[in-house]
Amino acid sequence: MPEVRTLVGLSEGAIHERIREKKFPSPIKLGRASGWIEEEIQAWIDAQIKATRGDH
């Protein structure tokens, strides 16, 4: 979570809210812990850039 928070610039609460709203990639279970697939986070970041900057 700390690395994801740093990458996306959102609080843990904001990330969890977006996950519930299906607006952010869901974590995967890794035993007792959870983690994210790096490519999915990067795709989300890329989509946010495209949404704010258009097709430029």
C-alpha atoms as a PDB file:
ATOM      1  CA  MET A   1       0.000   0.000   0.000  1.00  0.00           C
ATOM      2  CA  PRO A   2       2.717   2.578   0.747  1.00  0.00           C
ATOM      3  CA  GLU A   3       4.248   2.187  -2.713  1.00  0.00           C
ATOM      4  CA  VAL A   4       0.846   2.331  -4.420  1.00  0.00           C
ATOM      5  CA  ARG A   5      -0.043   5.465  -2.426  1.00  0.00           C
ATOM      6  CA  THR A   6       3.199   7.101  -3.526  1.00  0.00           C
ATOM      7  CA  LEU A   7       2.677   6.151  -7.171  1.00  0.00           C
ATOM      8  CA  VAL A   8      -0.901   7.390  -7.443  1.00  0.00           C
ATOM      9  CA  GLY A   9      -0.860  10.270  -4.959  1.00  0.00           C
ATOM     10  CA  LEU A  10      -3.989   9.138  -3.105  1.00  0.00           C
ATOM     11  CA  SER A  11      -4.617   8.319   0.541  1.00  0.00           C
ATOM     12  CA  GLU A  12      -5.333   4.755   1.607  1.00  0.00           C
ATOM     13  CA  GLY A  13      -8.964   5.702   2.219  1.00  0.00           C
ATOM     14  CA  ALA A  14      -9.306   7.238  -1.244  1.00  0.00           C
ATOM     15  CA  ILE A  15      -7.808   4.121  -2.825  1.00  0.00           C
ATOM     16  CA  HIS A  16     -10.207   1.829  -0.946  1.00  0.00           C
ATOM     17  CA  GLU A  17     -13.155   4.042  -1.897  1.00  0.00           C
ATOM     18  CA  ARG A  18     -12.215   3.862  -5.573  1.00  0.00           C
ATOM     19  CA  ILE A  19     -11.794   0.080  -5.322  1.00  0.00           C
ATOM     20  CA  ARG A  20     -15.339  -0.199  -3.907  1.00  0.00           C
ATOM     21  CA  GLU A  21     -16.583   2.007  -6.756  1.00  0.00           C
ATOM     22  CA  LYS A  22     -14.727  -0.199  -9.301  1.00  0.00           C
ATOM     23  CA  LYS A  23     -12.646   2.854 -10.311  1.00  0.00           C
ATOM     24  CA  PHE A  24      -9.263   1.463  -9.207  1.00  0.00           C
ATOM     25  CA  PRO A  25      -7.604  -1.936  -9.660  1.00  0.00           C
ATOM     26  CA  SER A  26      -8.402  -4.429  -6.921  1.00  0.00           C
ATOM     27  CA  PRO A  27      -5.525  -5.950  -4.991  1.00  0.00           C
ATOM     28  CA  ILE A  28      -4.761  -9.644  -5.212  1.00  0.00           C
ATOM     29  CA  LYS A  29      -4.318 -11.891  -2.176  1.00  0.00           C
ATOM     30  CA  LEU A  30      -0.767 -12.971  -1.440  1.00  0.00           C
ATOM     31  CA  GLY A  31      -1.236 -15.328   1.468  1.00  0.00           C
ATOM     32  CA  ARG A  32      -2.378 -13.168   4.383  1.00  0.00           C
ATOM     33  CA  ALA A  33      -1.251  -9.986   2.640  1.00  0.00           C
ATOM     34  CA  SER A  34      -2.542  -8.212  -0.450  1.00  0.00           C
ATOM     35  CA  GLY A  35      -0.753  -6.523  -3.307  1.00  0.00           C
ATOM     36  CA  TRP A  36      -1.329  -4.980  -6.691  1.00  0.00           C
ATOM     37  CA  ILE A  37      -0.163  -5.914 -10.154  1.00  0.00           C
ATOM     38  CA  GLU A  38       2.221  -3.177 -11.234  1.00  0.00           C
ATOM     39  CA  GLU A  39       0.968  -3.145 -14.820  1.00  0.00           C
ATOM     40  CA  GLU A  40      -2.622  -2.581 -13.641  1.00  0.00           C
ATOM     41  CA  ILE A  41      -1.571   0.384 -11.505  1.00  0.00           C
ATOM     42  CA  GLN A  42       0.432   1.855 -14.388  1.00  0.00           C
ATOM     43  CA  ALA A  43      -2.530   1.386 -16.744  1.00  0.00           C
ATOM     44  CA  TRP A  44      -4.746   3.233 -14.228  1.00  0.00           C
ATOM     45  CA  ILE A  45      -2.197   6.077 -14.039  1.00  0.00           C
ATOM     46  CA  ASP A  46      -2.013   6.218 -17.856  1.00  0.00           C
ATOM     47  CA  ALA A  47      -5.817   6.361 -18.063  1.00  0.00           C
ATOM     48  CA  GLN A  48      -5.893   9.249 -15.574  1.00  0.00           C
ATOM     49  CA  ILE A  49      -3.333  11.153 -17.636  1.00  0.00           C
ATOM     50  CA  LYS A  50      -5.295  10.548 -20.819  1.00  0.00           C
ATOM     51  CA  ALA A  51      -8.566  11.603 -19.152  1.00  0.00           C
ATOM     52  CA  THR A  52      -7.080  14.888 -17.963  1.00  0.00           C
ATOM     53  CA  ARG A  53      -4.998  15.699 -21.030  1.00  0.00           C
ATOM     54  CA  GLY A  54      -7.115  14.240 -23.798  1.00  0.00           C
ATOM     55  CA  ASP A  55      -5.515  12.600 -26.816  1.00  0.00           C
ATOM     56  CA  HIS A  56      -2.649  15.114 -27.079  1.00  0.00           C
END
